[in-house]
Amino acid sequence: MTESSKHRLDLARVRVIGPPDVVEKVVEAITTALTSASPSKPYPSRHNAGHVRVYLEVTPV
């Protein structure tokens, strides 16, 4: 296994999908509780019209 293909053991990736107002509240709650959480911008959901998805990367403090 090369260095670039190793999995990072110090990182968790979380995907939040739902109506924009709900996703915004959930992402705010997560980033408030876990200051190391870094959210992406909202993307349209591929499967649910009117929903968005946000990805968060969380590392231990």
PDB file of N, CA and C in Angstrom:
ATOM      1  N   MET A   1       0.856  -1.167   0.000  1.00  0.00           N
ATOM      2  CA  MET A   1       0.000   0.000   0.000  1.00  0.00           C
ATOM      3  C   MET A   1       0.906   1.235   0.000  1.00  0.00           C
ATOM      4  N   THR A   2       0.653   2.137  -0.922  1.00  0.00           N
ATOM      5  CA  THR A   2       1.473   3.343  -0.983  1.00  0.00           C
ATOM      6  C   THR A   2       0.993   4.367   0.028  1.00  0.00           C
ATOM      7  N   GLU A   3       1.845   5.328   0.278  1.00  0.00           N
ATOM      8  CA  GLU A   3       1.512   6.375   1.263  1.00  0.00           C
ATOM      9  C   GLU A   3       0.233   7.113   0.872  1.00  0.00           C
ATOM     10  N   SER A   4       0.035   7.389  -0.401  1.00  0.00           N
ATOM     11  CA  SER A   4      -1.139   8.155  -0.840  1.00  0.00           C
ATOM     12  C   SER A   4      -2.430   7.350  -0.780  1.00  0.00           C
ATOM     13  N   SER A   5      -2.350   6.038  -0.764  1.00  0.00           N
ATOM     14  CA  SER A   5      -3.574   5.228  -0.743  1.00  0.00           C
ATOM     15  C   SER A   5      -3.967   4.755   0.657  1.00  0.00           C
ATOM     16  N   LYS A   6      -3.178   5.095   1.670  1.00  0.00           N
ATOM     17  CA  LYS A   6      -3.517   4.700   3.034  1.00  0.00           C
ATOM     18  C   LYS A   6      -4.741   5.469   3.506  1.00  0.00           C
ATOM     19  N   HIS A   7      -5.587   4.797   4.254  1.00  0.00           N
ATOM     20  CA  HIS A   7      -6.762   5.445   4.833  1.00  0.00           C
ATOM     21  C   HIS A   7      -6.338   6.273   6.038  1.00  0.00           C
ATOM     22  N   ARG A   8      -6.937   7.433   6.154  1.00  0.00           N
ATOM     23  CA  ARG A   8      -6.666   8.265   7.328  1.00  0.00           C
ATOM     24  C   ARG A   8      -7.459   7.715   8.498  1.00  0.00           C
ATOM     25  N   LEU A   9      -6.786   7.427   9.578  1.00  0.00           N
ATOM     26  CA  LEU A   9      -7.443   6.888  10.761  1.00  0.00           C
ATOM     27  C   LEU A   9      -7.875   7.992  11.717  1.00  0.00           C
ATOM     28  N   ASP A  10      -7.489   9.226  11.416  1.00  0.00           N
ATOM     29  CA  ASP A  10      -7.805  10.334  12.310  1.00  0.00           C
ATOM     30  C   ASP A  10      -8.909  11.222  11.725  1.00  0.00           C
ATOM     31  N   LEU A  11      -9.739  10.671  10.853  1.00  0.00           N
ATOM     32  CA  LEU A  11     -10.740  11.473  10.173  1.00  0.00           C
ATOM     33  C   LEU A  11     -12.037  10.690  10.020  1.00  0.00           C
ATOM     34  N   ALA A  12     -13.140  11.331  10.317  1.00  0.00           N
ATOM     35  CA  ALA A  12     -14.458  10.739  10.071  1.00  0.00           C
ATOM     36  C   ALA A  12     -15.184  11.637   9.082  1.00  0.00           C
ATOM     37  N   ARG A  13     -15.870  11.043   8.131  1.00  0.00           N
ATOM     38  CA  ARG A  13     -16.656  11.803   7.171  1.00  0.00           C
ATOM     39  C   ARG A  13     -18.130  11.483   7.397  1.00  0.00           C
ATOM     40  N   VAL A  14     -18.927  12.542   7.498  1.00  0.00           N
ATOM     41  CA  VAL A  14     -20.352  12.411   7.776  1.00  0.00           C
ATOM     42  C   VAL A  14     -21.114  13.134   6.684  1.00  0.00           C
ATOM     43  N   ARG A  15     -22.184  12.519   6.194  1.00  0.00           N
ATOM     44  CA  ARG A  15     -23.036  13.147   5.185  1.00  0.00           C
ATOM     45  C   ARG A  15     -24.396  13.415   5.815  1.00  0.00           C
ATOM     46  N   VAL A  16     -24.889  14.649   5.670  1.00  0.00           N
ATOM     47  CA  VAL A  16     -26.199  15.040   6.183  1.00  0.00           C
ATOM     48  C   VAL A  16     -27.062  15.393   4.981  1.00  0.00           C
ATOM     49  N   ILE A  17     -28.240  14.769   4.888  1.00  0.00           N
ATOM     50  CA  ILE A  17     -29.148  15.006   3.766  1.00  0.00           C
ATOM     51  C   ILE A  17     -30.526  15.338   4.312  1.00  0.00           C
ATOM     52  N   GLY A  18     -31.166  16.357   3.736  1.00  0.00           N
ATOM     53  CA  GLY A  18     -32.518  16.713   4.147  1.00  0.00           C
ATOM     54  C   GLY A  18     -32.912  18.064   3.600  1.00  0.00           C
ATOM     55  N   PRO A  19     -34.046  18.576   4.048  1.00  0.00           N
ATOM     56  CA  PRO A  19     -34.464  19.916   3.638  1.00  0.00           C
ATOM     57  C   PRO A  19     -33.405  20.938   4.084  1.00  0.00           C
ATOM     58  N   PRO A  20     -33.170  21.985   3.295  1.00  0.00           N
ATOM     59  CA  PRO A  20     -32.104  22.932   3.613  1.00  0.00           C
ATOM     60  C   PRO A  20     -32.158  23.502   5.026  1.00  0.00           C
ATOM     61  N   ASP A  21     -33.340  23.846   5.528  1.00  0.00           N
ATOM     62  CA  ASP A  21     -33.418  24.426   6.870  1.00  0.00           C
ATOM     63  C   ASP A  21     -33.032  23.428   7.955  1.00  0.00           C
ATOM     64  N   VAL A  22     -33.397  22.179   7.767  1.00  0.00           N
ATOM     65  CA  VAL A  22     -33.054  21.135   8.746  1.00  0.00           C
ATOM     66  C   VAL A  22     -31.555  20.834   8.687  1.00  0.00           C
ATOM     67  N   VAL A  23     -31.020  20.705   7.485  1.00  0.00           N
ATOM     68  CA  VAL A  23     -29.588  20.430   7.334  1.00  0.00           C
ATOM     69  C   VAL A  23     -28.768  21.556   7.955  1.00  0.00           C
ATOM     70  N   GLU A  24     -29.184  22.790   7.744  1.00  0.00           N
ATOM     71  CA  GLU A  24     -28.476  23.929   8.318  1.00  0.00           C
ATOM     72  C   GLU A  24     -28.435  23.839   9.842  1.00  0.00           C
ATOM     73  N   LYS A  25     -29.546  23.474  10.471  1.00  0.00           N
ATOM     74  CA  LYS A  25     -29.607  23.355  11.933  1.00  0.00           C
ATOM     75  C   LYS A  25     -28.738  22.207  12.429  1.00  0.00           C
ATOM     76  N   VAL A  26     -28.763  21.087  11.717  1.00  0.00           N
ATOM     77  CA  VAL A  26     -27.962  19.928  12.123  1.00  0.00           C
ATOM     78  C   VAL A  26     -26.474  20.232  11.995  1.00  0.00           C
ATOM     79  N   VAL A  27     -26.091  20.843  10.879  1.00  0.00           N
ATOM     80  CA  VAL A  27     -24.683  21.186  10.683  1.00  0.00           C
ATOM     81  C   VAL A  27     -24.229  22.189  11.741  1.00  0.00           C
ATOM     82  N   GLU A  28     -25.071  23.153  12.063  1.00  0.00           N
ATOM     83  CA  GLU A  28     -24.732  24.127  13.109  1.00  0.00           C
ATOM     84  C   GLU A  28     -24.546  23.435  14.452  1.00  0.00           C
ATOM     85  N   ALA A  29     -25.434  22.493  14.773  1.00  0.00           N
ATOM     86  CA  ALA A  29     -25.321  21.766  16.044  1.00  0.00           C
ATOM     87  C   ALA A  29     -24.035  20.938  16.090  1.00  0.00           C
ATOM     88  N   ILE A  30     -23.712  20.281  14.997  1.00  0.00           N
ATOM     89  CA  ILE A  30     -22.501  19.453  14.961  1.00  0.00           C
ATOM     90  C   ILE A  30     -21.255  20.321  15.067  1.00  0.00           C
ATOM     91  N   THR A  31     -21.196  21.413  14.305  1.00  0.00           N
ATOM     92  CA  THR A  31     -19.995  22.253  14.333  1.00  0.00           C
ATOM     93  C   THR A  31     -19.851  23.010  15.650  1.00  0.00           C
ATOM     94  N   THR A  32     -20.956  23.238  16.353  1.00  0.00           N
ATOM     95  CA  THR A  32     -20.882  23.856  17.675  1.00  0.00           C
ATOM     96  C   THR A  32     -20.334  22.853  18.691  1.00  0.00           C
ATOM     97  N   ALA A  33     -20.813  21.631  18.618  1.00  0.00           N
ATOM     98  CA  ALA A  33     -20.383  20.597  19.567  1.00  0.00           C
ATOM     99  C   ALA A  33     -18.979  20.082  19.261  1.00  0.00           C
ATOM    100  N   LEU A  34     -18.657  19.993  17.976  1.00  0.00           N
ATOM    101  CA  LEU A  34     -17.357  19.471  17.558  1.00  0.00           C
ATOM    102  C   LEU A  34     -16.648  20.546  16.748  1.00  0.00           C
ATOM    103  N   THR A  35     -15.821  21.327  17.408  1.00  0.00           N
ATOM    104  CA  THR A  35     -15.185  22.464  16.743  1.00  0.00           C
ATOM    105  C   THR A  35     -14.237  22.049  15.622  1.00  0.00           C
ATOM    106  N   SER A  36     -13.857  20.785  15.589  1.00  0.00           N
ATOM    107  CA  SER A  36     -12.973  20.319  14.516  1.00  0.00           C
ATOM    108  C   SER A  36     -13.753  19.885  13.270  1.00  0.00           C
ATOM    109  N   ALA A  37     -15.091  19.977  13.310  1.00  0.00           N
ATOM    110  CA  ALA A  37     -15.907  19.585  12.156  1.00  0.00           C
ATOM    111  C   ALA A  37     -15.836  20.668  11.092  1.00  0.00           C
ATOM    112  N   SER A  38     -15.549  20.251   9.872  1.00  0.00           N
ATOM    113  CA  SER A  38     -15.422  21.183   8.752  1.00  0.00           C
ATOM    114  C   SER A  38     -16.465  20.831   7.689  1.00  0.00           C
ATOM    115  N   PRO A  39     -17.526  21.654   7.551  1.00  0.00           N
ATOM    116  CA  PRO A  39     -18.584  21.326   6.595  1.00  0.00           C
ATOM    117  C   PRO A  39     -18.271  21.806   5.177  1.00  0.00           C
ATOM    118  N   SER A  40     -18.816  21.107   4.200  1.00  0.00           N
ATOM    119  CA  SER A  40     -18.736  21.540   2.809  1.00  0.00           C
ATOM    120  C   SER A  40     -19.880  22.503   2.537  1.00  0.00           C
ATOM    121  N   LYS A  41     -19.917  23.043   1.355  1.00  0.00           N
ATOM    122  CA  LYS A  41     -21.079  23.834   0.951  1.00  0.00           C
ATOM    123  C   LYS A  41     -22.222  22.866   0.662  1.00  0.00           C
ATOM    124  N   PRO A  42     -23.468  23.313   0.703  1.00  0.00           N
ATOM    125  CA  PRO A  42     -24.601  22.431   0.396  1.00  0.00           C
ATOM    126  C   PRO A  42     -24.647  22.090  -1.094  1.00  0.00           C
ATOM    127  N   TYR A  43     -24.917  20.843  -1.392  1.00  0.00           N
ATOM    128  CA  TYR A  43     -25.093  20.366  -2.765  1.00  0.00           C
ATOM    129  C   TYR A  43     -26.523  19.865  -2.906  1.00  0.00           C
ATOM    130  N   PRO A  44     -27.125  19.996  -4.087  1.00  0.00           N
ATOM    131  CA  PRO A  44     -28.466  19.425  -4.291  1.00  0.00           C
ATOM    132  C   PRO A  44     -28.420  17.907  -4.110  1.00  0.00           C
ATOM    133  N   SER A  45     -29.443  17.345  -3.490  1.00  0.00           N
ATOM    134  CA  SER A  45     -29.540  15.893  -3.344  1.00  0.00           C
ATOM    135  C   SER A  45     -29.807  15.286  -4.710  1.00  0.00           C
ATOM    136  N   ARG A  46     -29.181  14.166  -4.988  1.00  0.00           N
ATOM    137  CA  ARG A  46     -29.378  13.489  -6.281  1.00  0.00           C
ATOM    138  C   ARG A  46     -30.702  12.740  -6.335  1.00  0.00           C
ATOM    139  N   HIS A  47     -31.271  12.420  -5.186  1.00  0.00           N
ATOM    140  CA  HIS A  47     -32.450  11.553  -5.159  1.00  0.00           C
ATOM    141  C   HIS A  47     -33.721  12.222  -4.659  1.00  0.00           C
ATOM    142  N   ASN A  48     -33.591  13.297  -3.909  1.00  0.00           N
ATOM    143  CA  ASN A  48     -34.757  13.938  -3.315  1.00  0.00           C
ATOM    144  C   ASN A  48     -34.822  15.402  -3.719  1.00  0.00           C
ATOM    145  N   ALA A  49     -35.798  15.731  -4.544  1.00  0.00           N
ATOM    146  CA  ALA A  49     -35.959  17.127  -4.974  1.00  0.00           C
ATOM    147  C   ALA A  49     -36.201  18.011  -3.749  1.00  0.00           C
ATOM    148  N   GLY A  50     -35.549  19.154  -3.711  1.00  0.00           N
ATOM    149  CA  GLY A  50     -35.725  20.077  -2.595  1.00  0.00           C
ATOM    150  C   GLY A  50     -34.832  19.803  -1.402  1.00  0.00           C
ATOM    151  N   HIS A  51     -34.087  18.704  -1.428  1.00  0.00           N
ATOM    152  CA  HIS A  51     -33.169  18.380  -0.339  1.00  0.00           C
ATOM    153  C   HIS A  51     -31.744  18.743  -0.742  1.00  0.00           C
ATOM    154  N   VAL A  52     -30.921  18.945   0.259  1.00  0.00           N
ATOM    155  CA  VAL A  52     -29.501  19.205   0.027  1.00  0.00           C
ATOM    156  C   VAL A  52     -28.680  18.196   0.808  1.00  0.00           C
ATOM    157  N   ARG A  53     -27.415  18.111   0.470  1.00  0.00           N
ATOM    158  CA  ARG A  53     -26.490  17.263   1.221  1.00  0.00           C
ATOM    159  C   ARG A  53     -25.262  18.081   1.562  1.00  0.00           C
ATOM    160  N   VAL A  54     -24.757  17.864   2.741  1.00  0.00           N
ATOM    161  CA  VAL A  54     -23.554  18.530   3.225  1.00  0.00           C
ATOM    162  C   VAL A  54     -22.641  17.451   3.784  1.00  0.00           C
ATOM    163  N   TYR A  55     -21.373  17.546   3.468  1.00  0.00           N
ATOM    164  CA  TYR A  55     -20.385  16.614   3.984  1.00  0.00           C
ATOM    165  C   TYR A  55     -19.582  17.312   5.067  1.00  0.00           C
ATOM    166  N   LEU A  56     -19.340  16.602   6.159  1.00  0.00           N
ATOM    167  CA  LEU A  56     -18.514  17.139   7.248  1.00  0.00           C
ATOM    168  C   LEU A  56     -17.319  16.225   7.439  1.00  0.00           C
ATOM    169  N   GLU A  57     -16.162  16.811   7.592  1.00  0.00           N
ATOM    170  CA  GLU A  57     -14.969  16.064   7.972  1.00  0.00           C
ATOM    171  C   GLU A  57     -14.663  16.413   9.417  1.00  0.00           C
ATOM    172  N   VAL A  58     -14.524  15.398  10.236  1.00  0.00           N
ATOM    173  CA  VAL A  58     -14.309  15.598  11.673  1.00  0.00           C
ATOM    174  C   VAL A  58     -13.020  14.902  12.071  1.00  0.00           C
ATOM    175  N   THR A  59     -12.141  15.654  12.728  1.00  0.00           N
ATOM    176  CA  THR A  59     -10.903  15.083  13.240  1.00  0.00           C
ATOM    177  C   THR A  59     -10.899  15.214  14.760  1.00  0.00           C
ATOM    178  N   PRO A  60     -10.198  14.334  15.447  1.00  0.00           N
ATOM    179  CA  PRO A  60     -10.130  14.449  16.895  1.00  0.00           C
ATOM    180  C   PRO A  60      -9.368  15.714  17.283  1.00  0.00           C
ATOM    181  N   VAL A  61      -9.726  16.250  18.408  1.00  0.00           N
ATOM    182  CA  VAL A  61      -9.100  17.492  18.884  1.00  0.00           C
ATOM    183  C   VAL A  61      -7.743  17.213  19.452  1.00  0.00           C
TER     184      VAL A  61
END
